[in-house]
Every structure is written in structure tokens, then in C-alpha cells.
Amino acid sequence: MASLARSLVSLLAVASVAAAGAYNSVIEKDVVIIGGGGSGAHAAFRLREDFGKSIILIEKEAILGGHVDSYVDSSSGKGAP
């Protein structure tokens, strides 16, 4: 059983090294922001404009805004523009 475990660990190690070599480009940025909701998008904009930082913003949706896009005012029934 120990031999099987060693073989499996060796196989995983070889697969990890092979997979690591598959990526041949590296993205270098000053700041990485995870989430393009209101706060993330604003932080990215301010860091770039005010401090000249290079930014990468990672968002799972096709548009920025997060819950800001789905906000509905309870008194007027109107959504955010």
C-alpha cells in the first residue's frame, strides 16, 4: 500500500511540473483586485488615476457593478441608472 501511495505522489508531482510548464506568459501588475462591484471598480479606477498603478481587475460577470446594477429603491421602485 505504501508503494502505491508513493507512486501516486510521484505521478502527481510529475503532472504538476508538466502543467506548470504549460503556462508561458506571466501577467505583471502592481495591484490585483478581485471583484468588480462598486467598490472594486472604484478602487481600480482611483489607484490607476491617482497613483498611476497598473491594475488587473477580476470579475466573474460580463459587466462591472455587482449589486449596484440590481439595486431598486423601495420608495420609488426605480433601479439604479
PDB file of N, CA and C in Angstrom:
ATOM      1  N   MET A   1       0.820  -1.188   0.000  1.00  0.00           N
ATOM      2  CA  MET A   1       0.000   0.000   0.000  1.00  0.00           C
ATOM      3  C   MET A   1       0.866   1.254   0.000  1.00  0.00           C
ATOM      4  N   ALA A   2       1.979   1.232   0.737  1.00  0.00           N
ATOM      5  CA  ALA A   2       2.877   2.388   0.769  1.00  0.00           C
ATOM      6  C   ALA A   2       3.487   2.629  -0.604  1.00  0.00           C
ATOM      7  N   SER A   3       3.745   1.544  -1.328  1.00  0.00           N
ATOM      8  CA  SER A   3       4.308   1.670  -2.670  1.00  0.00           C
ATOM      9  C   SER A   3       3.314   2.351  -3.610  1.00  0.00           C
ATOM     10  N   LEU A   4       2.048   2.012  -3.479  1.00  0.00           N
ATOM     11  CA  LEU A   4       1.009   2.635  -4.294  1.00  0.00           C
ATOM     12  C   LEU A   4       0.901   4.124  -3.973  1.00  0.00           C
ATOM     13  N   ALA A   5       0.973   4.463  -2.708  1.00  0.00           N
ATOM     14  CA  ALA A   5       0.904   5.867  -2.293  1.00  0.00           C
ATOM     15  C   ALA A   5       2.097   6.648  -2.840  1.00  0.00           C
ATOM     16  N   ARG A   6       3.305   6.050  -2.773  1.00  0.00           N
ATOM     17  CA  ARG A   6       4.496   6.713  -3.319  1.00  0.00           C
ATOM     18  C   ARG A   6       4.365   6.915  -4.821  1.00  0.00           C
ATOM     19  N   SER A   7       3.845   5.914  -5.517  1.00  0.00           N
ATOM     20  CA  SER A   7       3.662   6.020  -6.969  1.00  0.00           C
ATOM     21  C   SER A   7       2.667   7.122  -7.310  1.00  0.00           C
ATOM     22  N   LEU A   8       1.601   7.197  -6.553  1.00  0.00           N
ATOM     23  CA  LEU A   8       0.588   8.224  -6.788  1.00  0.00           C
ATOM     24  C   LEU A   8       1.152   9.618  -6.540  1.00  0.00           C
ATOM     25  N   VAL A   9       1.901   9.783  -5.471  1.00  0.00           N
ATOM     26  CA  VAL A   9       2.521  11.074  -5.172  1.00  0.00           C
ATOM     27  C   VAL A   9       3.510  11.450  -6.264  1.00  0.00           C
ATOM     28  N   SER A  10       4.298  10.489  -6.725  1.00  0.00           N
ATOM     29  CA  SER A  10       5.256  10.754  -7.806  1.00  0.00           C
ATOM     30  C   SER A  10       4.538  11.168  -9.082  1.00  0.00           C
ATOM     31  N   LEU A  11       3.460  10.479  -9.407  1.00  0.00           N
ATOM     32  CA  LEU A  11       2.683  10.808 -10.599  1.00  0.00           C
ATOM     33  C   LEU A  11       2.104  12.214 -10.504  1.00  0.00           C
ATOM     34  N   LEU A  12       1.571  12.562  -9.347  1.00  0.00           N
ATOM     35  CA  LEU A  12       1.021  13.908  -9.156  1.00  0.00           C
ATOM     36  C   LEU A  12       2.107  14.972  -9.252  1.00  0.00           C
ATOM     37  N   ALA A  13       3.281  14.682  -8.734  1.00  0.00           N
ATOM     38  CA  ALA A  13       4.388  15.638  -8.811  1.00  0.00           C
ATOM     39  C   ALA A  13       4.801  15.873 -10.257  1.00  0.00           C
ATOM     40  N   VAL A  14       4.902  14.810 -11.032  1.00  0.00           N
ATOM     41  CA  VAL A  14       5.268  14.937 -12.449  1.00  0.00           C
ATOM     42  C   VAL A  14       4.190  15.706 -13.203  1.00  0.00           C
ATOM     43  N   ALA A  15       2.926  15.417 -12.922  1.00  0.00           N
ATOM     44  CA  ALA A  15       1.823  16.113 -13.588  1.00  0.00           C
ATOM     45  C   ALA A  15       1.822  17.597 -13.234  1.00  0.00           C
ATOM     46  N   SER A  16       2.134  17.923 -11.995  1.00  0.00           N
ATOM     47  CA  SER A  16       2.179  19.327 -11.574  1.00  0.00           C
ATOM     48  C   SER A  16       3.283  20.086 -12.292  1.00  0.00           C
ATOM     49  N   VAL A  17       4.447  19.481 -12.402  1.00  0.00           N
ATOM     50  CA  VAL A  17       5.569  20.116 -13.101  1.00  0.00           C
ATOM     51  C   VAL A  17       5.232  20.300 -14.575  1.00  0.00           C
ATOM     52  N   ALA A  18       4.617  19.305 -15.186  1.00  0.00           N
ATOM     53  CA  ALA A  18       4.244  19.397 -16.601  1.00  0.00           C
ATOM     54  C   ALA A  18       3.208  20.491 -16.811  1.00  0.00           C
ATOM     55  N   ALA A  19       2.235  20.583 -15.914  1.00  0.00           N
ATOM     56  CA  ALA A  19       1.198  21.612 -16.040  1.00  0.00           C
ATOM     57  C   ALA A  19       1.783  22.999 -15.829  1.00  0.00           C
ATOM     58  N   ALA A  20       2.726  23.126 -14.930  1.00  0.00           N
ATOM     59  CA  ALA A  20       3.346  24.429 -14.669  1.00  0.00           C
ATOM     60  C   ALA A  20       4.094  24.929 -15.893  1.00  0.00           C
ATOM     61  N   GLY A  21       4.681  24.037 -16.654  1.00  0.00           N
ATOM     62  CA  GLY A  21       5.402  24.424 -17.859  1.00  0.00           C
ATOM     63  C   GLY A  21       4.482  24.830 -18.997  1.00  0.00           C
ATOM     64  N   ALA A  22       3.193  24.504 -18.904  1.00  0.00           N
ATOM     65  CA  ALA A  22       2.246  24.826 -19.969  1.00  0.00           C
ATOM     66  C   ALA A  22       1.944  26.323 -20.025  1.00  0.00           C
ATOM     67  N   TYR A  23       2.127  27.031 -18.938  1.00  0.00           N
ATOM     68  CA  TYR A  23       1.868  28.467 -18.907  1.00  0.00           C
ATOM     69  C   TYR A  23       3.163  29.193 -19.229  1.00  0.00           C
ATOM     70  N   ASN A  24       3.196  29.864 -20.375  1.00  0.00           N
ATOM     71  CA  ASN A  24       4.436  30.504 -20.788  1.00  0.00           C
ATOM     72  C   ASN A  24       4.381  32.020 -20.709  1.00  0.00           C
ATOM     73  N   SER A  25       3.281  32.584 -20.212  1.00  0.00           N
ATOM     74  CA  SER A  25       3.227  34.033 -20.066  1.00  0.00           C
ATOM     75  C   SER A  25       2.851  34.387 -18.630  1.00  0.00           C
ATOM     76  N   VAL A  26       3.368  35.497 -18.182  1.00  0.00           N
ATOM     77  CA  VAL A  26       3.116  35.965 -16.828  1.00  0.00           C
ATOM     78  C   VAL A  26       2.570  37.379 -16.926  1.00  0.00           C
ATOM     79  N   ILE A  27       1.512  37.653 -16.188  1.00  0.00           N
ATOM     80  CA  ILE A  27       0.951  38.999 -16.138  1.00  0.00           C
ATOM     81  C   ILE A  27       1.535  39.684 -14.917  1.00  0.00           C
ATOM     82  N   GLU A  28       2.179  40.813 -15.124  1.00  0.00           N
ATOM     83  CA  GLU A  28       2.753  41.567 -14.012  1.00  0.00           C
ATOM     84  C   GLU A  28       2.007  42.879 -13.854  1.00  0.00           C
ATOM     85  N   LYS A  29       1.393  43.069 -12.700  1.00  0.00           N
ATOM     86  CA  LYS A  29       0.655  44.284 -12.372  1.00  0.00           C
ATOM     87  C   LYS A  29       1.020  44.697 -10.957  1.00  0.00           C
ATOM     88  N   ASP A  30       0.775  45.971 -10.651  1.00  0.00           N
ATOM     89  CA  ASP A  30       1.033  46.457  -9.298  1.00  0.00           C
ATOM     90  C   ASP A  30      -0.020  45.957  -8.315  1.00  0.00           C
ATOM     91  N   VAL A  31      -1.284  45.916  -8.765  1.00  0.00           N
ATOM     92  CA  VAL A  31      -2.394  45.575  -7.873  1.00  0.00           C
ATOM     93  C   VAL A  31      -3.345  44.622  -8.585  1.00  0.00           C
ATOM     94  N   VAL A  32      -3.831  43.621  -7.857  1.00  0.00           N
ATOM     95  CA  VAL A  32      -4.883  42.739  -8.354  1.00  0.00           C
ATOM     96  C   VAL A  32      -6.107  42.958  -7.480  1.00  0.00           C
ATOM     97  N   ILE A  33      -7.243  43.233  -8.111  1.00  0.00           N
ATOM     98  CA  ILE A  33      -8.495  43.429  -7.384  1.00  0.00           C
ATOM     99  C   ILE A  33      -9.435  42.311  -7.795  1.00  0.00           C
ATOM    100  N   ILE A  34      -9.955  41.601  -6.806  1.00  0.00           N
ATOM    101  CA  ILE A  34     -10.895  40.516  -7.055  1.00  0.00           C
ATOM    102  C   ILE A  34     -12.294  41.057  -6.796  1.00  0.00           C
ATOM    103  N   GLY A  35     -13.094  41.141  -7.841  1.00  0.00           N
ATOM    104  CA  GLY A  35     -14.471  41.613  -7.721  1.00  0.00           C
ATOM    105  C   GLY A  35     -14.645  42.994  -8.312  1.00  0.00           C
ATOM    106  N   GLY A  36     -15.496  43.079  -9.315  1.00  0.00           N
ATOM    107  CA  GLY A  36     -15.731  44.349  -9.998  1.00  0.00           C
ATOM    108  C   GLY A  36     -17.042  44.991  -9.609  1.00  0.00           C
ATOM    109  N   GLY A  37     -17.437  44.820  -8.349  1.00  0.00           N
ATOM    110  CA  GLY A  37     -18.620  45.530  -7.860  1.00  0.00           C
ATOM    111  C   GLY A  37     -18.306  47.010  -7.732  1.00  0.00           C
ATOM    112  N   GLY A  38     -19.187  47.738  -7.086  1.00  0.00           N
ATOM    113  CA  GLY A  38     -18.978  49.174  -6.933  1.00  0.00           C
ATOM    114  C   GLY A  38     -17.648  49.514  -6.286  1.00  0.00           C
ATOM    115  N   SER A  39     -17.304  48.834  -5.223  1.00  0.00           N
ATOM    116  CA  SER A  39     -16.059  49.132  -4.501  1.00  0.00           C
ATOM    117  C   SER A  39     -14.823  48.723  -5.288  1.00  0.00           C
ATOM    118  N   GLY A  40     -14.853  47.528  -5.877  1.00  0.00           N
ATOM    119  CA  GLY A  40     -13.700  47.056  -6.641  1.00  0.00           C
ATOM    120  C   GLY A  40     -13.423  47.910  -7.862  1.00  0.00           C
ATOM    121  N   ALA A  41     -14.485  48.261  -8.600  1.00  0.00           N
ATOM    122  CA  ALA A  41     -14.318  49.093  -9.796  1.00  0.00           C
ATOM    123  C   ALA A  41     -13.819  50.485  -9.421  1.00  0.00           C
ATOM    124  N   HIS A  42     -14.365  51.039  -8.346  1.00  0.00           N
ATOM    125  CA  HIS A  42     -13.933  52.369  -7.897  1.00  0.00           C
ATOM    126  C   HIS A  42     -12.473  52.334  -7.433  1.00  0.00           C
ATOM    127  N   ALA A  43     -12.105  51.312  -6.679  1.00  0.00           N
ATOM    128  CA  ALA A  43     -10.721  51.196  -6.206  1.00  0.00           C
ATOM    129  C   ALA A  43      -9.755  51.084  -7.380  1.00  0.00           C
ATOM    130  N   ALA A  44     -10.117  50.293  -8.386  1.00  0.00           N
ATOM    131  CA  ALA A  44      -9.250  50.142  -9.560  1.00  0.00           C
ATOM    132  C   ALA A  44      -9.070  51.477 -10.274  1.00  0.00           C
ATOM    133  N   PHE A  45     -10.152  52.199 -10.458  1.00  0.00           N
ATOM    134  CA  PHE A  45     -10.095  53.492 -11.139  1.00  0.00           C
ATOM    135  C   PHE A  45      -9.236  54.489 -10.367  1.00  0.00           C
ATOM    136  N   ARG A  46      -9.455  54.587  -9.059  1.00  0.00           N
ATOM    137  CA  ARG A  46      -8.714  55.559  -8.243  1.00  0.00           C
ATOM    138  C   ARG A  46      -7.234  55.201  -8.179  1.00  0.00           C
ATOM    139  N   LEU A  47      -6.903  53.923  -8.024  1.00  0.00           N
ATOM    140  CA  LEU A  47      -5.496  53.518  -7.972  1.00  0.00           C
ATOM    141  C   LEU A  47      -4.777  53.857  -9.268  1.00  0.00           C
ATOM    142  N   ARG A  48      -5.469  53.670 -10.397  1.00  0.00           N
ATOM    143  CA  ARG A  48      -4.849  53.986 -11.685  1.00  0.00           C
ATOM    144  C   ARG A  48      -4.727  55.494 -11.879  1.00  0.00           C
ATOM    145  N   GLU A  49      -5.805  56.230 -11.633  1.00  0.00           N
ATOM    146  CA  GLU A  49      -5.815  57.670 -11.895  1.00  0.00           C
ATOM    147  C   GLU A  49      -4.991  58.461 -10.877  1.00  0.00           C
ATOM    148  N   ASP A  50      -5.124  58.136  -9.602  1.00  0.00           N
ATOM    149  CA  ASP A  50      -4.475  58.926  -8.549  1.00  0.00           C
ATOM    150  C   ASP A  50      -3.033  58.512  -8.279  1.00  0.00           C
ATOM    151  N   PHE A  51      -2.726  57.230  -8.468  1.00  0.00           N
ATOM    152  CA  PHE A  51      -1.401  56.741  -8.093  1.00  0.00           C
ATOM    153  C   PHE A  51      -0.623  56.128  -9.249  1.00  0.00           C
ATOM    154  N   GLY A  52      -1.208  56.088 -10.436  1.00  0.00           N
ATOM    155  CA  GLY A  52      -0.518  55.555 -11.612  1.00  0.00           C
ATOM    156  C   GLY A  52      -0.202  54.072 -11.532  1.00  0.00           C
ATOM    157  N   LYS A  53      -0.972  53.332 -10.767  1.00  0.00           N
ATOM    158  CA  LYS A  53      -0.729  51.890 -10.610  1.00  0.00           C
ATOM    159  C   LYS A  53      -1.293  51.121 -11.797  1.00  0.00           C
ATOM    160  N   SER A  54      -0.622  50.028 -12.148  1.00  0.00           N
ATOM    161  CA  SER A  54      -1.180  49.129 -13.160  1.00  0.00           C
ATOM    162  C   SER A  54      -2.075  48.133 -12.426  1.00  0.00           C
ATOM    163  N   ILE A  55      -3.248  47.908 -12.976  1.00  0.00           N
ATOM    164  CA  ILE A  55      -4.293  47.159 -12.276  1.00  0.00           C
ATOM    165  C   ILE A  55      -4.748  45.985 -13.126  1.00  0.00           C
ATOM    166  N   ILE A  56      -5.074  44.888 -12.467  1.00  0.00           N
ATOM    167  CA  ILE A  56      -5.863  43.832 -13.095  1.00  0.00           C
ATOM    168  C   ILE A  56      -7.066  43.637 -12.189  1.00  0.00           C
ATOM    169  N   LEU A  57      -8.250  43.697 -12.791  1.00  0.00           N
ATOM    170  CA  LEU A  57      -9.495  43.545 -12.052  1.00  0.00           C
ATOM    171  C   LEU A  57     -10.159  42.261 -12.541  1.00  0.00           C
ATOM    172  N   ILE A  58     -10.435  41.357 -11.628  1.00  0.00           N
ATOM    173  CA  ILE A  58     -11.017  40.065 -11.980  1.00  0.00           C
ATOM    174  C   ILE A  58     -12.475  40.061 -11.547  1.00  0.00           C
ATOM    175  N   GLU A  59     -13.369  39.863 -12.519  1.00  0.00           N
ATOM    176  CA  GLU A  59     -14.809  39.863 -12.261  1.00  0.00           C
ATOM    177  C   GLU A  59     -15.430  38.645 -12.928  1.00  0.00           C
ATOM    178  N   LYS A  60     -16.309  37.953 -12.223  1.00  0.00           N
ATOM    179  CA  LYS A  60     -16.917  36.735 -12.772  1.00  0.00           C
ATOM    180  C   LYS A  60     -18.034  37.024 -13.768  1.00  0.00           C
ATOM    181  N   GLU A  61     -18.643  38.190 -13.687  1.00  0.00           N
ATOM    182  CA  GLU A  61     -19.734  38.541 -14.597  1.00  0.00           C
ATOM    183  C   GLU A  61     -19.196  39.251 -15.833  1.00  0.00           C
ATOM    184  N   ALA A  62     -20.052  39.426 -16.833  1.00  0.00           N
ATOM    185  CA  ALA A  62     -19.650  40.081 -18.081  1.00  0.00           C
ATOM    186  C   ALA A  62     -19.620  41.603 -17.951  1.00  0.00           C
ATOM    187  N   ILE A  63     -20.230  42.139 -16.889  1.00  0.00           N
ATOM    188  CA  ILE A  63     -20.248  43.584 -16.672  1.00  0.00           C
ATOM    189  C   ILE A  63     -19.788  43.895 -15.259  1.00  0.00           C
ATOM    190  N   LEU A  64     -19.326  45.122 -15.064  1.00  0.00           N
ATOM    191  CA  LEU A  64     -18.939  45.573 -13.727  1.00  0.00           C
ATOM    192  C   LEU A  64     -20.165  46.126 -13.016  1.00  0.00           C
ATOM    193  N   GLY A  65     -20.092  46.206 -11.708  1.00  0.00           N
ATOM    194  CA  GLY A  65     -21.155  46.842 -10.940  1.00  0.00           C
ATOM    195  C   GLY A  65     -21.704  45.993  -9.820  1.00  0.00           C
ATOM    196  N   GLY A  66     -21.662  44.689  -9.978  1.00  0.00           N
ATOM    197  CA  GLY A  66     -22.153  43.805  -8.920  1.00  0.00           C
ATOM    198  C   GLY A  66     -23.584  44.112  -8.529  1.00  0.00           C
ATOM    199  N   HIS A  67     -23.838  44.252  -7.236  1.00  0.00           N
ATOM    200  CA  HIS A  67     -25.186  44.508  -6.732  1.00  0.00           C
ATOM    201  C   HIS A  67     -25.658  45.927  -7.008  1.00  0.00           C
ATOM    202  N   VAL A  68     -24.751  46.819  -7.363  1.00  0.00           N
ATOM    203  CA  VAL A  68     -25.156  48.184  -7.702  1.00  0.00           C
ATOM    204  C   VAL A  68     -26.113  48.140  -8.888  1.00  0.00           C
ATOM    205  N   ASP A  69     -25.861  47.228  -9.820  1.00  0.00           N
ATOM    206  CA  ASP A  69     -26.694  47.093 -11.013  1.00  0.00           C
ATOM    207  C   ASP A  69     -28.093  46.582 -10.677  1.00  0.00           C
ATOM    208  N   SER A  70     -28.242  45.878  -9.577  1.00  0.00           N
ATOM    209  CA  SER A  70     -29.533  45.286  -9.231  1.00  0.00           C
ATOM    210  C   SER A  70     -30.254  46.045  -8.118  1.00  0.00           C
ATOM    211  N   TYR A  71     -29.739  47.202  -7.725  1.00  0.00           N
ATOM    212  CA  TYR A  71     -30.358  47.970  -6.645  1.00  0.00           C
ATOM    213  C   TYR A  71     -31.681  48.567  -7.107  1.00  0.00           C
ATOM    214  N   VAL A  72     -32.707  48.430  -6.293  1.00  0.00           N
ATOM    215  CA  VAL A  72     -34.009  49.043  -6.565  1.00  0.00           C
ATOM    216  C   VAL A  72     -34.416  49.831  -5.330  1.00  0.00           C
ATOM    217  N   ASP A  73     -34.707  51.117  -5.531  1.00  0.00           N
ATOM    218  CA  ASP A  73     -35.156  51.981  -4.435  1.00  0.00           C
ATOM    219  C   ASP A  73     -36.548  51.524  -4.011  1.00  0.00           C
ATOM    220  N   SER A  74     -36.726  51.213  -2.730  1.00  0.00           N
ATOM    221  CA  SER A  74     -38.002  50.678  -2.258  1.00  0.00           C
ATOM    222  C   SER A  74     -39.130  51.706  -2.302  1.00  0.00           C
ATOM    223  N   SER A  75     -38.816  52.994  -2.177  1.00  0.00           N
ATOM    224  CA  SER A  75     -39.886  54.000  -2.189  1.00  0.00           C
ATOM    225  C   SER A  75     -40.343  54.354  -3.601  1.00  0.00           C
ATOM    226  N   SER A  76     -39.423  54.395  -4.558  1.00  0.00           N
ATOM    227  CA  SER A  76     -39.801  54.777  -5.925  1.00  0.00           C
ATOM    228  C   SER A  76     -39.975  53.576  -6.850  1.00  0.00           C
ATOM    229  N   GLY A  77     -39.373  52.440  -6.490  1.00  0.00           N
ATOM    230  CA  GLY A  77     -39.443  51.265  -7.347  1.00  0.00           C
ATOM    231  C   GLY A  77     -38.520  51.336  -8.545  1.00  0.00           C
ATOM    232  N   LYS A  78     -37.657  52.350  -8.595  1.00  0.00           N
ATOM    233  CA  LYS A  78     -36.751  52.529  -9.728  1.00  0.00           C
ATOM    234  C   LYS A  78     -35.390  51.917  -9.417  1.00  0.00           C
ATOM    235  N   GLY A  79     -34.776  51.365 -10.463  1.00  0.00           N
ATOM    236  CA  GLY A  79     -33.447  50.795 -10.328  1.00  0.00           C
ATOM    237  C   GLY A  79     -32.371  51.837 -10.525  1.00  0.00           C
ATOM    238  N   ALA A  80     -31.150  51.445 -10.239  1.00  0.00           N
ATOM    239  CA  ALA A  80     -30.010  52.341 -10.451  1.00  0.00           C
ATOM    240  C   ALA A  80     -29.822  52.539 -11.948  1.00  0.00           C
ATOM    241  N   PRO A  81     -29.480  53.751 -12.372  1.00  0.00           N
ATOM    242  CA  PRO A  81     -29.300  54.003 -13.814  1.00  0.00           C
ATOM    243  C   PRO A  81     -28.119  53.264 -14.385  1.00  0.00           C
TER     244      PRO A  81
END
